[in-house]
């Protein structure tokens, strides 16, 4: 089950804020009235210490109100940071190997592609449009969960991927052979090729499996307006726009900017050996 943490945070902030306001406009007055009634009718004849103790008890906020006032500013700051500035995200699959590995914890710049309202995602301020070659977090058109891939096709582009070669608007994208590698798959390692690909101003590492042929019947896509064509750097082991189509602009979450921690699956301690900017 996927938990929408932005929605959870928003609900918690709203609930704590509601309790704080309720206490300020109603419950606090009830406590003040109770203190006044005690001082008027029952305080006479009692010792000063006992009167002060009773007044303090009557003035005591209910525990739920006390917690709400304590948590509200903290939750509000977290909501603002997570919704408008930076959000953490953990890489769940190997579709972006070799750039990102399973277990990488990354930071996502939430304002790079425009400021959006939390939960509903409506853009309220333009900043920049995604650029070819950038690594982007988004919600795909077929599933309500975060995905991370590389921006390959921009609105209006024609993208073709055939025989392990990428073409954009009819132009073959440059790639430079680096080395032969073993690519991990669900059925064990297979021989593959590691290479450098240049997309616009971005040069990045990518890989493919030598033994895997053309898996998809479709090889060419025309990108609609306000949509982006996304692909994983692990080209033969990535579910991406080649399967479920281009990503609409309103589904953008943010730009992946850095790896800040890594933790291998299972009972392993986190490390910071992979800390790096994402290109």
Protein backbone atom coordinates (compact mmCIF):
# COMPACT_ATOMS: atom_id res chain seq x y z
CA UNK A 1 0.00 0.00 0.00
CA UNK A 2 1.39 3.42 -0.97
CA UNK A 3 0.95 6.14 1.62
CA UNK A 4 0.49 9.73 0.45
CA UNK A 5 2.68 11.43 3.06
CA UNK A 6 1.78 14.90 1.76
CA UNK A 7 -1.89 14.16 2.41
CA UNK A 8 -1.10 12.72 5.85
CA UNK A 9 0.96 15.81 6.75
CA UNK A 10 -1.75 18.14 5.48
CA UNK A 11 -4.42 16.35 7.54
CA UNK A 12 -2.25 16.42 10.66
CA UNK A 13 -1.46 20.13 10.24
CA UNK A 14 -5.15 20.92 9.68
CA UNK A 15 -6.19 18.83 12.71
CA UNK A 16 -3.60 20.38 15.04
CA UNK A 17 -4.42 23.86 13.78
CA UNK A 18 -8.15 23.24 14.29
CA UNK A 19 -7.59 22.13 17.91
CA UNK A 20 -5.40 25.17 18.56
CA UNK A 21 -8.08 27.54 17.18
CA UNK A 22 -10.84 25.65 19.03
CA UNK A 23 -8.93 26.07 22.28
CA UNK A 24 -8.26 29.76 21.64
CA UNK A 25 -11.85 30.72 20.85
CA UNK A 26 -13.82 28.32 23.05
CA UNK A 27 -12.10 25.91 25.44
CA UNK A 28 -9.72 28.52 26.87
CA UNK A 29 -12.69 30.70 27.79
CA UNK A 30 -14.28 27.74 29.59
CA UNK A 31 -11.12 27.29 31.67
CA UNK A 32 -11.03 31.00 32.47
CA UNK A 33 -14.69 30.92 33.53
CA UNK A 34 -14.04 27.92 35.79
CA UNK A 35 -11.13 29.76 37.46
CA UNK A 36 -13.23 32.85 37.95
CA UNK A 37 -16.08 30.80 39.45
CA UNK A 38 -13.67 29.05 41.84
CA UNK A 39 -12.09 32.29 42.99
CA UNK A 40 -15.51 33.85 43.52
CA UNK A 41 -17.20 31.01 45.40
CA UNK A 42 -14.72 28.50 46.79
CA UNK A 43 -11.34 30.15 47.26
CA UNK A 44 -12.28 32.01 50.43
CA UNK A 45 -10.94 30.37 53.55
CA UNK A 46 -8.43 28.18 51.68
CA UNK A 47 -4.69 28.58 51.99
CA UNK A 48 -2.86 30.53 49.30
CA UNK A 49 -0.90 27.45 48.25
CA UNK A 50 -4.07 25.41 47.82
CA UNK A 51 -5.75 28.20 45.86
CA UNK A 52 -2.76 28.49 43.53
CA UNK A 53 -2.66 24.72 43.05
CA UNK A 54 -6.36 24.61 42.20
CA UNK A 55 -6.09 27.56 39.80
CA UNK A 56 -3.11 25.89 38.06
CA UNK A 57 -5.10 22.66 37.74
CA UNK A 58 -8.11 24.47 36.30
CA UNK A 59 -5.86 26.39 33.85
CA UNK A 60 -4.14 23.21 32.64
CA UNK A 61 -4.71 22.57 28.94
CA UNK A 62 -6.11 19.18 27.95
CA UNK A 63 -3.31 16.83 26.88
CA UNK A 64 -4.57 16.65 23.28
CA UNK A 65 -4.54 20.47 23.05
CA UNK A 66 -1.04 20.63 24.50
CA UNK A 67 0.24 18.10 21.97
CA UNK A 68 -1.55 19.87 19.11
CA UNK A 69 0.10 23.20 19.96
CA UNK A 70 3.50 21.52 20.27
CA UNK A 71 3.31 19.58 17.00
CA UNK A 72 1.58 22.20 14.81
CA UNK A 73 4.60 24.44 14.03
CA UNK A 74 6.89 21.44 13.49
CA UNK A 75 4.43 19.70 11.16
CA UNK A 76 3.76 22.96 9.31
CA UNK A 77 7.48 23.51 8.66
CA UNK A 78 7.88 19.92 7.44
CA UNK A 79 4.84 20.29 5.16
CA UNK A 80 6.20 23.52 3.63
CA UNK A 81 9.68 22.09 3.11
CA UNK A 82 8.38 18.82 1.64
CA UNK A 83 5.73 20.43 -0.56
CA UNK A 84 7.57 23.44 -1.94
CA UNK A 85 11.32 22.97 -1.49
CA UNK A 86 12.89 19.51 -1.13
CA UNK A 87 11.41 16.04 -0.72
CA UNK A 88 13.33 12.83 0.07
CA UNK A 89 12.77 9.77 -2.09
CA UNK A 90 14.24 6.24 -2.04
CA UNK A 91 15.07 4.38 -5.24
CA UNK A 92 13.00 1.16 -5.22
CA UNK A 93 14.09 -0.51 -8.47
CA UNK A 94 17.10 -0.86 -10.76
CA UNK A 95 15.61 0.94 -13.77
CA UNK A 96 18.04 3.88 -13.40
CA UNK A 97 21.22 1.81 -12.97
CA UNK A 98 24.06 2.82 -13.38
CA UNK A 99 23.09 6.40 -12.45
CA UNK A 100 21.01 5.40 -9.42
CA UNK A 101 21.10 2.14 -7.51
CA UNK A 102 18.44 0.34 -5.48
CA UNK A 103 18.62 1.75 -1.97
CA UNK A 104 19.84 5.23 -2.92
CA UNK A 105 18.17 8.01 -0.95
CA UNK A 106 17.86 11.10 -3.10
CA UNK A 107 16.69 14.69 -2.76
CA UNK A 108 14.03 16.00 -5.13
CA UNK A 109 13.88 19.73 -5.89
CA UNK A 110 10.14 20.49 -5.72
CA UNK A 111 10.28 24.02 -7.17
CA UNK A 112 12.60 23.41 -10.16
CA UNK A 113 9.67 22.83 -12.52
CA UNK A 114 7.20 25.18 -10.84
CA UNK A 115 5.59 25.65 -7.44
CA UNK A 116 2.63 23.31 -6.90
CA UNK A 117 0.02 22.97 -4.20
CA UNK A 118 0.50 19.92 -1.95
CA UNK A 119 -1.64 16.83 -2.55
CA UNK A 120 -3.57 18.17 -5.58
CA UNK A 121 -0.43 19.18 -7.50
CA UNK A 122 -1.90 22.29 -9.16
CA UNK A 123 0.88 24.57 -10.39
CA UNK A 124 0.61 28.07 -8.93
CA UNK A 125 3.87 29.52 -10.24
CA UNK A 126 6.03 28.73 -13.27
CA UNK A 127 9.78 28.37 -12.82
CA UNK A 128 11.39 26.27 -15.58
CA UNK A 129 10.32 23.50 -17.91
CA UNK A 130 12.07 20.11 -17.78
CA UNK A 131 15.13 19.88 -20.00
CA UNK A 132 16.23 16.91 -22.04
CA UNK A 133 18.58 14.70 -20.07
CA UNK A 134 17.43 15.72 -16.59
CA UNK A 135 16.34 13.09 -14.07
CA UNK A 136 12.76 13.67 -12.99
CA UNK A 137 10.39 12.26 -10.38
CA UNK A 138 6.77 12.03 -11.53
CA UNK A 139 3.54 10.07 -11.32
CA UNK A 140 3.09 7.90 -14.45
CA UNK A 141 -0.22 7.88 -16.33
CA UNK A 142 -1.02 4.28 -15.38
CA UNK A 143 -0.24 4.14 -11.64
CA UNK A 144 -0.61 6.48 -8.66
CA UNK A 145 2.93 6.24 -7.28
CA UNK A 146 6.25 8.00 -7.71
CA UNK A 147 8.54 6.95 -10.57
CA UNK A 148 11.97 8.28 -11.48
CA UNK A 149 13.36 8.29 -15.03
CA UNK A 150 15.32 10.51 -17.40
CA UNK A 151 13.66 13.12 -19.62
CA UNK A 152 14.18 11.95 -23.20
CA UNK A 153 11.46 13.57 -25.27
CA UNK A 154 10.04 17.09 -24.94
CA UNK A 155 6.62 18.29 -26.16
CA UNK A 156 6.47 18.05 -29.95
CA UNK A 157 9.46 15.70 -30.27
CA UNK A 158 9.49 12.50 -32.26
CA UNK A 159 11.33 9.78 -30.33
CA UNK A 160 12.51 6.53 -31.86
CA UNK A 161 14.25 3.70 -30.02
CA UNK A 162 15.29 0.81 -32.23
CA UNK A 163 18.14 -1.71 -32.16
CA UNK A 164 19.39 -0.13 -28.91
CA UNK A 165 19.81 3.24 -30.65
CA UNK A 166 17.97 6.39 -29.62
CA UNK A 167 16.81 8.94 -32.20
CA UNK A 168 15.22 12.29 -31.41
CA UNK A 169 13.59 14.16 -34.27
CA UNK A 170 15.40 11.88 -36.68
CA UNK A 171 18.85 12.53 -35.21
CA UNK A 172 20.86 9.66 -33.74
CA UNK A 173 21.87 10.45 -30.16
CA UNK A 174 25.61 10.17 -29.59
CA UNK A 175 26.85 7.44 -27.30
CA UNK A 176 30.37 6.36 -26.44
CA UNK A 177 31.34 2.81 -25.49
CA UNK A 178 32.87 2.49 -22.02
CA UNK A 179 33.18 -1.20 -21.19
CA UNK A 180 31.57 -4.62 -21.22
CA UNK A 181 29.68 -5.38 -18.00
CA UNK A 182 27.36 -7.88 -16.37
CA UNK A 183 23.80 -6.61 -15.97
CA UNK A 184 21.78 -7.99 -13.07
CA UNK A 185 18.32 -9.24 -14.05
CA UNK A 186 15.58 -11.24 -12.42
CA UNK A 187 17.00 -14.43 -13.91
CA UNK A 188 20.62 -13.72 -13.08
CA UNK A 189 23.43 -11.62 -14.62
CA UNK A 190 23.67 -11.22 -18.39
CA UNK A 191 26.40 -9.68 -20.51
CA UNK A 192 25.85 -6.04 -21.34
CA UNK A 193 27.44 -2.81 -22.45
CA UNK A 194 28.08 0.35 -20.46
CA UNK A 195 28.23 3.57 -22.44
CA UNK A 196 27.99 7.33 -22.15
CA UNK A 197 25.03 9.05 -23.78
CA UNK A 198 24.78 12.77 -24.50
CA UNK A 199 21.36 14.43 -24.33
CA UNK A 200 21.55 18.17 -24.86
CA UNK A 201 23.96 19.51 -22.24
CA UNK A 202 23.84 16.34 -20.16
CA UNK A 203 26.25 13.43 -20.53
CA UNK A 204 25.34 10.39 -18.44
CA UNK A 205 26.06 6.69 -18.17
CA UNK A 206 23.55 4.14 -19.49
CA UNK A 207 23.59 0.42 -20.16
CA UNK A 208 21.87 -2.29 -22.15
CA UNK A 209 21.81 -6.07 -22.25
CA UNK A 210 23.54 -7.46 -25.32
CA UNK A 211 21.40 -10.60 -25.61
CA UNK A 212 18.05 -8.79 -25.37
CA UNK A 213 16.58 -7.92 -28.73
CA UNK A 214 13.76 -5.57 -29.68
CA UNK A 215 11.17 -6.34 -26.96
CA UNK A 216 8.54 -3.83 -27.98
CA UNK A 217 6.70 -3.79 -31.29
CA UNK A 218 6.37 -0.02 -31.20
CA UNK A 219 9.55 1.96 -31.85
CA UNK A 220 8.38 5.53 -32.56
CA UNK A 221 6.43 8.02 -30.46
CA UNK A 222 5.29 11.60 -31.12
CA UNK A 223 5.17 13.53 -27.83
CA UNK A 224 1.95 15.52 -27.27
CA UNK A 225 1.91 19.09 -26.02
CA UNK A 226 2.62 19.41 -22.27
CA UNK A 227 3.88 15.82 -22.09
CA UNK A 228 7.33 14.30 -21.55
CA UNK A 229 8.80 11.01 -22.73
CA UNK A 230 10.70 9.26 -19.95
CA UNK A 231 13.19 6.37 -20.10
CA UNK A 232 15.37 4.57 -17.57
CA UNK A 233 19.15 4.45 -17.97
CA UNK A 234 18.97 0.66 -17.59
CA UNK A 235 17.47 0.52 -21.06
CA UNK A 236 16.56 -3.18 -21.28
CA UNK A 237 15.31 -3.41 -17.71
CA UNK A 238 13.04 -0.38 -17.35
CA UNK A 239 9.28 0.04 -17.49
CA UNK A 240 8.91 3.55 -18.87
CA UNK A 241 7.19 5.67 -21.53
CA UNK A 242 7.90 2.98 -24.10
CA UNK A 243 5.23 0.93 -22.31
CA UNK A 244 2.78 3.37 -20.72
CA UNK A 245 3.20 6.53 -22.77
CA UNK A 246 4.29 10.10 -22.16
CA UNK A 247 3.89 11.78 -18.78
CA UNK A 248 1.52 14.78 -18.58
CA UNK A 249 2.95 18.01 -17.20
CA UNK A 250 0.55 18.03 -14.24
CA UNK A 251 2.06 14.71 -13.02
CA UNK A 252 5.53 16.17 -12.47
CA UNK A 253 6.82 15.96 -8.88
CA UNK A 254 10.28 17.50 -9.17
CA UNK A 255 13.87 17.28 -10.31
CA UNK A 256 16.24 14.72 -8.76
CA UNK A 257 19.33 16.62 -7.65
CA UNK A 258 21.50 14.51 -5.34
CA UNK A 259 22.10 11.18 -3.63
CA UNK A 260 22.51 11.85 0.10
CA UNK A 261 22.56 8.32 1.52
CA UNK A 262 22.53 4.68 0.44
CA UNK A 263 21.26 1.58 2.18
CA UNK A 264 21.39 -1.88 0.65
CA UNK A 265 18.21 -3.94 1.11
CA UNK A 266 17.97 -6.07 4.24
CA UNK A 267 19.78 -5.71 7.55
CA UNK A 268 22.50 -3.37 6.34
CA UNK A 269 23.66 -0.10 7.79
CA UNK A 270 23.29 3.04 5.67
CA UNK A 271 26.41 4.50 4.09
CA UNK A 272 27.36 7.82 2.54
CA UNK A 273 29.86 6.46 0.01
CA UNK A 274 27.54 7.18 -2.93
CA UNK A 275 26.79 10.80 -2.03
CA UNK A 276 26.85 12.74 -5.29
CA UNK A 277 24.98 15.13 -7.51
CA UNK A 278 22.67 13.54 -10.09
CA UNK A 279 23.36 14.15 -13.78
